[in-house]
N, C-alpha and C. Protein backbone atom coordinates (compact mmCIF):
# COMPACT_ATOMS: atom_id res chain seq x y z
N MET A 1 -124.04 -33.80 8.33
CA MET A 1 -124.92 -34.94 7.31
C MET A 1 -123.68 -35.89 7.13
N SER A 2 -123.95 -37.18 7.42
CA SER A 2 -123.23 -38.49 7.33
C SER A 2 -123.49 -39.19 6.27
N ILE A 3 -122.53 -39.55 5.30
CA ILE A 3 -123.10 -40.77 4.40
C ILE A 3 -122.03 -42.05 4.48
N LYS A 4 -122.86 -42.73 4.25
CA LYS A 4 -122.28 -44.22 4.56
C LYS A 4 -122.34 -45.20 3.45
N LYS A 5 -120.98 -45.70 2.94
CA LYS A 5 -121.11 -46.77 1.86
C LYS A 5 -120.75 -47.84 2.09
N THR A 6 -120.68 -49.26 1.86
CA THR A 6 -120.26 -50.15 2.44
C THR A 6 -119.86 -51.01 1.22
N ALA A 7 -118.86 -51.57 1.77
CA ALA A 7 -117.85 -52.69 0.61
C ALA A 7 -117.87 -54.37 1.56
N SER A 8 -117.42 -55.33 0.98
CA SER A 8 -117.19 -56.30 1.91
C SER A 8 -116.46 -57.04 0.84
N ALA A 9 -115.89 -58.04 1.42
CA ALA A 9 -114.99 -58.83 1.44
C ALA A 9 -114.96 -60.38 2.29
N ILE A 10 -115.08 -61.38 1.29
CA ILE A 10 -114.95 -62.86 1.53
C ILE A 10 -113.58 -63.51 1.59
N TRP A 11 -112.93 -63.92 2.49
CA TRP A 11 -111.62 -64.63 2.29
C TRP A 11 -111.81 -66.04 2.30
N GLU A 12 -111.17 -67.38 1.98
CA GLU A 12 -111.13 -68.74 2.08
C GLU A 12 -109.69 -68.88 1.88
N GLY A 13 -109.48 -69.53 2.78
CA GLY A 13 -108.18 -70.52 3.04
C GLY A 13 -106.88 -69.94 2.93
N ASP A 14 -105.76 -70.28 2.93
CA ASP A 14 -104.48 -69.62 3.31
C ASP A 14 -104.13 -68.35 2.59
N LEU A 15 -103.13 -67.53 2.55
CA LEU A 15 -102.42 -66.58 2.08
C LEU A 15 -102.51 -66.88 0.11
N LYS A 16 -101.49 -67.71 -0.02
CA LYS A 16 -101.06 -67.96 -1.15
C LYS A 16 -102.60 -68.83 -2.40
N ALA A 17 -102.79 -69.51 -1.58
CA ALA A 17 -103.44 -70.72 -2.41
C ALA A 17 -105.02 -70.13 -2.01
N GLY A 18 -105.53 -69.38 -1.04
CA GLY A 18 -106.96 -69.12 -0.79
C GLY A 18 -107.14 -68.02 -1.78
N LYS A 19 -108.36 -67.72 -1.79
CA LYS A 19 -108.92 -66.86 -3.00
C LYS A 19 -110.12 -65.99 -1.91
N GLY A 20 -110.42 -64.78 -2.83
CA GLY A 20 -111.76 -63.79 -1.90
C GLY A 20 -112.42 -63.28 -2.94
N GLN A 21 -113.30 -63.03 -3.10
CA GLN A 21 -114.50 -61.78 -3.54
C GLN A 21 -114.90 -60.80 -2.64
N ILE A 22 -114.94 -59.87 -3.68
CA ILE A 22 -115.34 -58.10 -3.37
C ILE A 22 -116.29 -57.82 -3.46
N SER A 23 -117.22 -57.21 -2.93
CA SER A 23 -118.45 -57.11 -3.60
C SER A 23 -118.83 -55.48 -2.93
N THR A 24 -119.63 -54.59 -3.39
CA THR A 24 -119.89 -53.30 -2.96
C THR A 24 -121.30 -53.43 -2.68
N GLU A 25 -121.74 -52.24 -2.39
CA GLU A 25 -123.19 -52.12 -1.79
C GLU A 25 -123.96 -51.71 -3.17
N SER A 26 -123.41 -50.90 -3.94
CA SER A 26 -123.73 -50.38 -5.36
C SER A 26 -124.23 -51.65 -6.26
N GLY A 27 -123.52 -52.99 -6.18
CA GLY A 27 -123.48 -53.64 -7.03
C GLY A 27 -122.25 -53.79 -8.26
N ALA A 28 -121.71 -52.76 -7.90
CA ALA A 28 -120.83 -52.42 -9.28
C ALA A 28 -119.61 -53.50 -9.21
N LEU A 29 -119.33 -53.78 -8.11
CA LEU A 29 -118.38 -55.08 -7.94
C LEU A 29 -119.22 -56.27 -7.11
N ARG A 30 -119.31 -57.66 -7.37
CA ARG A 30 -120.53 -58.39 -6.80
C ARG A 30 -119.67 -59.35 -7.23
N ASN A 31 -119.09 -60.16 -5.68
CA ASN A 31 -118.52 -61.20 -5.78
C ASN A 31 -117.42 -61.07 -6.68
N THR A 32 -116.35 -60.29 -6.93
CA THR A 32 -115.33 -59.53 -7.81
C THR A 32 -114.16 -60.43 -6.93
N PRO A 33 -113.40 -61.75 -7.92
CA PRO A 33 -112.54 -62.45 -7.35
C PRO A 33 -111.35 -61.63 -7.09
N TYR A 34 -110.41 -61.78 -6.20
CA TYR A 34 -109.23 -61.35 -5.86
C TYR A 34 -108.76 -62.38 -5.13
N GLY A 35 -107.16 -62.34 -4.95
CA GLY A 35 -106.56 -63.29 -4.41
C GLY A 35 -104.84 -62.79 -4.63
N PHE A 36 -103.91 -63.77 -3.93
CA PHE A 36 -102.51 -63.37 -4.16
C PHE A 36 -102.02 -63.58 -5.46
N ASN A 37 -102.39 -64.33 -6.08
CA ASN A 37 -102.12 -64.45 -7.68
C ASN A 37 -102.42 -62.77 -8.42
N THR A 38 -103.76 -62.14 -7.73
CA THR A 38 -104.23 -60.96 -8.55
C THR A 38 -103.31 -59.87 -8.08
N ARG A 39 -102.91 -60.10 -6.76
CA ARG A 39 -102.07 -58.92 -6.17
C ARG A 39 -100.46 -58.83 -6.43
N PHE A 40 -100.03 -60.22 -6.57
CA PHE A 40 -98.64 -59.97 -6.48
C PHE A 40 -98.02 -61.13 -7.75
N GLU A 41 -98.93 -61.52 -8.32
CA GLU A 41 -98.38 -62.39 -9.62
C GLU A 41 -98.59 -61.78 -11.03
N GLY A 42 -99.70 -60.93 -11.08
CA GLY A 42 -100.44 -60.22 -12.28
C GLY A 42 -100.99 -61.19 -12.98
N VAL A 43 -101.94 -62.09 -12.45
CA VAL A 43 -102.99 -62.86 -12.39
C VAL A 43 -104.33 -61.76 -13.04
N PRO A 44 -105.26 -61.67 -13.65
CA PRO A 44 -106.37 -61.11 -13.99
C PRO A 44 -106.96 -61.18 -12.71
N GLY A 45 -107.60 -60.21 -12.56
CA GLY A 45 -108.60 -60.11 -11.37
C GLY A 45 -108.44 -58.74 -10.68
N THR A 46 -108.89 -58.45 -9.53
CA THR A 46 -108.52 -57.05 -8.96
C THR A 46 -107.90 -57.52 -7.78
N ASN A 47 -107.64 -56.23 -6.76
CA ASN A 47 -106.46 -56.44 -5.71
C ASN A 47 -106.74 -54.85 -5.17
N PRO A 48 -106.77 -54.98 -3.92
CA PRO A 48 -106.87 -53.94 -2.84
C PRO A 48 -106.31 -52.66 -3.66
N GLU A 49 -105.23 -52.51 -3.97
CA GLU A 49 -104.15 -51.14 -4.46
C GLU A 49 -105.06 -50.42 -5.58
N GLU A 50 -105.35 -51.67 -6.54
CA GLU A 50 -106.32 -51.17 -7.61
C GLU A 50 -107.43 -50.30 -7.31
N LEU A 51 -107.97 -51.01 -6.19
CA LEU A 51 -109.14 -50.48 -5.99
C LEU A 51 -109.12 -49.01 -5.50
N ILE A 52 -108.13 -48.87 -4.37
CA ILE A 52 -108.00 -47.61 -3.85
C ILE A 52 -107.64 -46.72 -5.13
N GLY A 53 -106.75 -46.67 -5.71
CA GLY A 53 -106.59 -46.01 -7.29
C GLY A 53 -107.72 -45.30 -7.81
N ALA A 54 -108.43 -46.51 -7.85
CA ALA A 54 -109.97 -46.42 -8.86
C ALA A 54 -110.70 -45.09 -7.94
N ALA A 55 -110.68 -45.48 -6.73
CA ALA A 55 -111.23 -44.51 -5.56
C ALA A 55 -110.59 -43.31 -5.57
N HIS A 56 -109.62 -43.18 -5.69
CA HIS A 56 -108.60 -41.90 -5.53
C HIS A 56 -108.90 -41.17 -6.78
N ALA A 57 -108.70 -41.84 -7.98
CA ALA A 57 -109.07 -41.28 -9.36
C ALA A 57 -110.31 -40.52 -9.49
N GLY A 58 -111.16 -41.21 -9.02
CA GLY A 58 -112.69 -40.74 -9.24
C GLY A 58 -113.29 -39.56 -8.24
N CYS A 59 -112.52 -39.77 -6.91
CA CYS A 59 -112.60 -38.52 -6.07
C CYS A 59 -112.16 -37.76 -6.40
N PHE A 60 -110.92 -37.61 -6.99
CA PHE A 60 -109.79 -36.31 -7.53
C PHE A 60 -110.82 -35.78 -8.53
N SER A 61 -111.10 -36.42 -9.53
CA SER A 61 -111.62 -35.81 -10.88
C SER A 61 -112.83 -35.40 -10.08
N MET A 62 -113.71 -35.85 -9.57
CA MET A 62 -114.93 -34.99 -9.15
C MET A 62 -114.71 -33.78 -8.61
N ALA A 63 -113.65 -33.80 -7.37
CA ALA A 63 -112.79 -32.65 -6.93
C ALA A 63 -112.38 -31.73 -7.32
N PHE A 64 -111.42 -32.17 -8.56
CA PHE A 64 -111.59 -31.03 -9.72
C PHE A 64 -112.61 -30.23 -10.43
N SER A 65 -113.67 -30.94 -10.79
CA SER A 65 -114.60 -30.48 -11.17
C SER A 65 -114.93 -29.37 -10.38
N MET A 66 -115.37 -29.78 -9.25
CA MET A 66 -116.23 -28.89 -8.05
C MET A 66 -115.18 -27.67 -8.01
N ILE A 67 -113.97 -27.67 -8.07
CA ILE A 67 -112.99 -26.81 -7.80
C ILE A 67 -112.75 -25.59 -9.07
N LEU A 68 -112.91 -26.51 -10.17
CA LEU A 68 -112.83 -25.66 -11.48
C LEU A 68 -114.20 -24.73 -11.78
N GLY A 69 -115.20 -25.56 -11.23
CA GLY A 69 -116.66 -24.91 -11.16
C GLY A 69 -117.03 -23.49 -10.68
N GLU A 70 -116.26 -23.34 -9.37
CA GLU A 70 -115.73 -22.53 -8.31
C GLU A 70 -115.03 -21.33 -8.55
N ALA A 71 -114.18 -21.69 -9.50
CA ALA A 71 -113.68 -20.78 -10.38
C ALA A 71 -114.04 -20.09 -11.58
N GLY A 72 -115.48 -20.56 -11.98
CA GLY A 72 -115.94 -20.25 -13.20
C GLY A 72 -115.76 -20.80 -14.86
N LEU A 73 -114.86 -22.29 -14.28
CA LEU A 73 -114.42 -22.73 -15.36
C LEU A 73 -115.26 -24.34 -15.49
N THR A 74 -115.52 -24.18 -16.84
CA THR A 74 -116.44 -25.79 -17.23
C THR A 74 -115.59 -26.93 -17.84
N PRO A 75 -114.86 -28.24 -17.56
CA PRO A 75 -113.70 -28.87 -18.30
C PRO A 75 -114.64 -29.50 -19.45
N ASP A 76 -114.08 -29.85 -20.23
CA ASP A 76 -114.45 -30.42 -21.25
C ASP A 76 -114.30 -31.85 -20.86
N ARG A 77 -112.83 -32.51 -20.46
CA ARG A 77 -112.65 -33.56 -20.01
C ARG A 77 -111.82 -33.50 -18.69
N ILE A 78 -111.67 -34.59 -18.15
CA ILE A 78 -110.85 -34.61 -16.78
C ILE A 78 -110.79 -36.38 -16.89
N ASP A 79 -109.19 -36.37 -17.12
CA ASP A 79 -108.97 -37.80 -17.26
C ASP A 79 -107.85 -37.97 -16.30
N THR A 80 -108.14 -38.95 -15.15
CA THR A 80 -107.13 -39.08 -14.08
C THR A 80 -106.87 -40.67 -13.85
N THR A 81 -105.56 -40.81 -13.73
CA THR A 81 -105.18 -41.98 -13.35
C THR A 81 -104.25 -41.97 -12.08
N ALA A 82 -105.12 -43.06 -11.14
CA ALA A 82 -104.07 -43.27 -9.97
C ALA A 82 -102.97 -44.24 -9.93
N GLU A 83 -101.89 -43.93 -9.84
CA GLU A 83 -100.53 -45.18 -9.93
C GLU A 83 -100.39 -45.41 -8.27
N VAL A 84 -100.67 -46.54 -7.60
CA VAL A 84 -100.46 -46.83 -6.50
C VAL A 84 -99.43 -48.01 -6.17
N THR A 85 -98.47 -47.39 -5.34
CA THR A 85 -97.40 -47.98 -5.19
C THR A 85 -97.20 -48.95 -3.61
N LEU A 86 -96.97 -50.20 -4.04
CA LEU A 86 -97.05 -51.04 -2.65
C LEU A 86 -95.58 -52.08 -2.53
N ASP A 87 -94.95 -51.32 -1.40
CA ASP A 87 -93.52 -51.80 -1.58
C ASP A 87 -93.53 -52.60 -0.09
N LYS A 88 -92.48 -53.43 -0.62
CA LYS A 88 -92.19 -54.57 0.56
C LYS A 88 -91.31 -53.65 1.84
N GLN A 89 -91.47 -53.83 3.06
CA GLN A 89 -91.12 -53.38 3.70
C GLN A 89 -90.51 -54.00 5.03
N SER A 90 -89.52 -54.18 5.75
CA SER A 90 -89.05 -55.14 6.86
C SER A 90 -90.40 -55.84 7.60
N ASP A 91 -91.62 -55.28 8.07
CA ASP A 91 -92.56 -55.74 8.31
C ASP A 91 -93.76 -56.15 7.60
N GLY A 92 -93.42 -56.03 6.26
CA GLY A 92 -94.43 -56.60 5.58
C GLY A 92 -94.59 -55.42 4.30
N PHE A 93 -95.91 -55.39 3.94
CA PHE A 93 -96.22 -54.49 2.66
C PHE A 93 -96.71 -52.99 3.29
N ALA A 94 -96.64 -52.24 2.88
CA ALA A 94 -97.13 -50.86 2.76
C ALA A 94 -97.62 -50.35 1.20
N ILE A 95 -98.52 -49.31 1.40
CA ILE A 95 -98.94 -48.46 0.09
C ILE A 95 -98.01 -47.44 0.55
N THR A 96 -97.08 -46.98 -0.41
CA THR A 96 -96.59 -45.74 0.08
C THR A 96 -96.42 -44.53 -0.74
N ALA A 97 -97.07 -44.77 -2.10
CA ALA A 97 -97.18 -43.62 -2.96
C ALA A 97 -98.77 -43.69 -3.73
N VAL A 98 -99.24 -42.67 -4.17
CA VAL A 98 -99.93 -42.63 -5.08
C VAL A 98 -99.37 -41.31 -5.97
N LYS A 99 -99.52 -41.45 -7.26
CA LYS A 99 -99.40 -40.81 -8.30
C LYS A 99 -100.27 -40.41 -8.99
N LEU A 100 -100.81 -39.19 -8.84
CA LEU A 100 -102.18 -38.87 -9.88
C LEU A 100 -101.96 -38.32 -11.17
N ILE A 101 -101.82 -38.67 -12.30
CA ILE A 101 -102.01 -38.14 -13.74
C ILE A 101 -102.94 -37.97 -14.11
N LEU A 102 -102.84 -36.21 -14.43
CA LEU A 102 -104.11 -35.60 -14.60
C LEU A 102 -104.11 -35.23 -16.40
N LYS A 103 -104.90 -35.54 -16.95
CA LYS A 103 -104.76 -35.01 -18.40
C LYS A 103 -106.15 -34.08 -18.48
N ALA A 104 -106.33 -32.95 -18.66
CA ALA A 104 -107.76 -32.48 -18.49
C ALA A 104 -107.64 -31.29 -20.12
N LYS A 105 -108.81 -30.74 -20.50
CA LYS A 105 -109.29 -29.97 -21.30
C LYS A 105 -109.94 -29.19 -20.42
N VAL A 106 -109.67 -27.75 -20.13
CA VAL A 106 -110.39 -27.26 -19.69
C VAL A 106 -110.62 -25.74 -20.11
N PRO A 107 -111.20 -25.36 -21.39
CA PRO A 107 -110.99 -24.01 -21.91
C PRO A 107 -110.86 -22.61 -20.91
N GLY A 108 -110.21 -21.66 -21.61
CA GLY A 108 -110.44 -20.92 -20.81
C GLY A 108 -109.26 -20.58 -19.51
N ALA A 109 -108.54 -21.74 -19.04
CA ALA A 109 -107.90 -21.78 -17.62
C ALA A 109 -106.45 -21.74 -18.31
N SER A 110 -105.68 -20.96 -17.83
CA SER A 110 -104.21 -20.65 -17.71
C SER A 110 -103.61 -21.90 -17.28
N THR A 111 -102.33 -21.80 -17.51
CA THR A 111 -101.47 -23.21 -16.99
C THR A 111 -101.18 -22.91 -15.62
N GLU A 112 -100.96 -21.43 -15.24
CA GLU A 112 -100.78 -21.60 -13.77
C GLU A 112 -101.81 -21.67 -13.13
N GLN A 113 -103.13 -21.11 -13.39
CA GLN A 113 -104.51 -21.55 -12.84
C GLN A 113 -104.94 -22.95 -12.58
N PHE A 114 -104.50 -23.73 -14.12
CA PHE A 114 -104.92 -25.04 -13.85
C PHE A 114 -104.21 -25.58 -12.63
N THR A 115 -102.56 -25.87 -12.73
CA THR A 115 -101.89 -26.15 -11.88
C THR A 115 -102.36 -25.89 -10.49
N GLU A 116 -102.73 -24.85 -10.15
CA GLU A 116 -103.12 -24.06 -8.66
C GLU A 116 -104.37 -24.86 -8.60
N LEU A 117 -105.19 -25.24 -9.28
CA LEU A 117 -106.65 -25.63 -8.86
C LEU A 117 -106.56 -27.01 -8.71
N ALA A 118 -105.50 -27.86 -9.77
CA ALA A 118 -105.45 -29.16 -9.37
C ALA A 118 -104.99 -29.46 -8.29
N ASN A 119 -103.69 -28.65 -7.70
CA ASN A 119 -103.28 -29.38 -6.49
C ASN A 119 -104.26 -28.90 -5.17
N LYS A 120 -105.19 -27.92 -5.42
CA LYS A 120 -106.04 -27.80 -4.67
C LYS A 120 -106.94 -28.79 -4.12
N ALA A 121 -106.92 -29.37 -5.50
CA ALA A 121 -108.51 -30.76 -5.47
C ALA A 121 -107.51 -31.82 -5.11
N LYS A 122 -106.22 -31.89 -5.38
CA LYS A 122 -105.55 -32.79 -4.74
C LYS A 122 -105.33 -33.07 -3.17
N ALA A 123 -105.43 -31.86 -2.63
CA ALA A 123 -105.35 -31.84 -1.14
C ALA A 123 -106.64 -32.02 -0.82
N GLY A 124 -107.85 -31.51 -1.14
CA GLY A 124 -109.14 -31.47 -0.66
C GLY A 124 -109.82 -32.75 -0.88
N CYS A 125 -109.45 -33.59 -2.08
CA CYS A 125 -110.02 -34.74 -2.11
C CYS A 125 -110.34 -35.76 -1.00
N PRO A 126 -111.48 -35.89 -0.82
CA PRO A 126 -111.46 -36.94 0.74
C PRO A 126 -110.52 -38.25 0.66
N VAL A 127 -110.80 -38.79 -0.49
CA VAL A 127 -109.75 -39.85 -0.56
C VAL A 127 -108.09 -39.57 -0.34
N SER A 128 -107.98 -38.30 -0.83
CA SER A 128 -106.42 -37.77 -0.59
C SER A 128 -106.08 -37.59 0.94
N LYS A 129 -107.38 -37.37 1.49
CA LYS A 129 -107.20 -37.09 3.17
C LYS A 129 -106.73 -38.27 4.19
N VAL A 130 -107.71 -39.17 3.56
CA VAL A 130 -107.46 -40.49 4.27
C VAL A 130 -106.41 -41.22 4.01
N LEU A 131 -105.72 -40.78 3.06
CA LEU A 131 -104.21 -41.45 2.75
C LEU A 131 -103.22 -40.63 3.29
N THR A 132 -103.43 -39.92 4.44
CA THR A 132 -102.39 -38.88 4.50
C THR A 132 -101.02 -39.67 5.00
N GLY A 133 -100.92 -40.90 5.60
CA GLY A 133 -99.59 -41.88 5.55
C GLY A 133 -99.05 -41.67 4.45
N VAL A 134 -99.53 -41.71 3.06
CA VAL A 134 -98.93 -41.91 1.74
C VAL A 134 -98.74 -40.48 1.11
N THR A 135 -96.97 -41.08 0.40
CA THR A 135 -96.93 -39.37 -0.17
C THR A 135 -97.66 -39.51 -1.84
N ILE A 136 -98.28 -38.44 -2.07
CA ILE A 136 -99.30 -38.19 -3.01
C ILE A 136 -98.79 -37.03 -4.04
N THR A 137 -98.40 -37.50 -5.52
CA THR A 137 -97.93 -36.57 -6.08
C THR A 137 -98.89 -36.55 -7.05
N LEU A 138 -98.69 -35.25 -8.37
CA LEU A 138 -99.81 -34.88 -9.11
C LEU A 138 -99.10 -34.61 -10.38
N ASP A 139 -99.04 -34.99 -11.62
CA ASP A 139 -98.68 -35.14 -12.88
C ASP A 139 -99.67 -34.30 -13.76
N ALA A 140 -99.85 -32.87 -13.65
CA ALA A 140 -101.18 -32.27 -14.25
C ALA A 140 -100.82 -31.58 -15.63
N THR A 141 -101.45 -31.96 -16.82
CA THR A 141 -101.17 -31.65 -18.08
C THR A 141 -102.48 -30.83 -18.65
N LEU A 142 -102.32 -29.80 -18.99
CA LEU A 142 -103.36 -29.11 -19.29
C LEU A 142 -103.76 -29.11 -20.89
N LEU A 143 -104.42 -29.81 -21.59
CA LEU A 143 -104.38 -30.37 -22.98
C LEU A 143 -105.11 -28.98 -23.67
N PRO A 144 -104.47 -28.87 -24.89
CA PRO A 144 -105.21 -27.46 -25.82
C PRO A 144 -106.79 -27.76 -26.17
């Protein structure tokens, strides 16, 4: 079974003065603006790193929910933030790390089991797998 999803980007102009638009097949993003200023200068708008972070946080949360279910646990809430690091290197910029910050309420889970299952989700999440050249860390907190 193969599932294919699409997203597109249009770019007009040079790197610093140019601007672009990102759209997704689902319409969740439709001609959403992005540019040098939204990526490097803190101007409101989206950027590729933010979108990778959203994809990773969403994928991890779903994978964790599945793994918890396989262990007979049902989460009340899974709250994941993905902090994507973009660093300047000698040959340009590179995404060098993703820090997943997890806070979840999982009735019946011990701290040890919670940590073990969260790490299993981190390793098994399809977005984690595609980011194999990047250091991915996990800060997991089991809420009471």
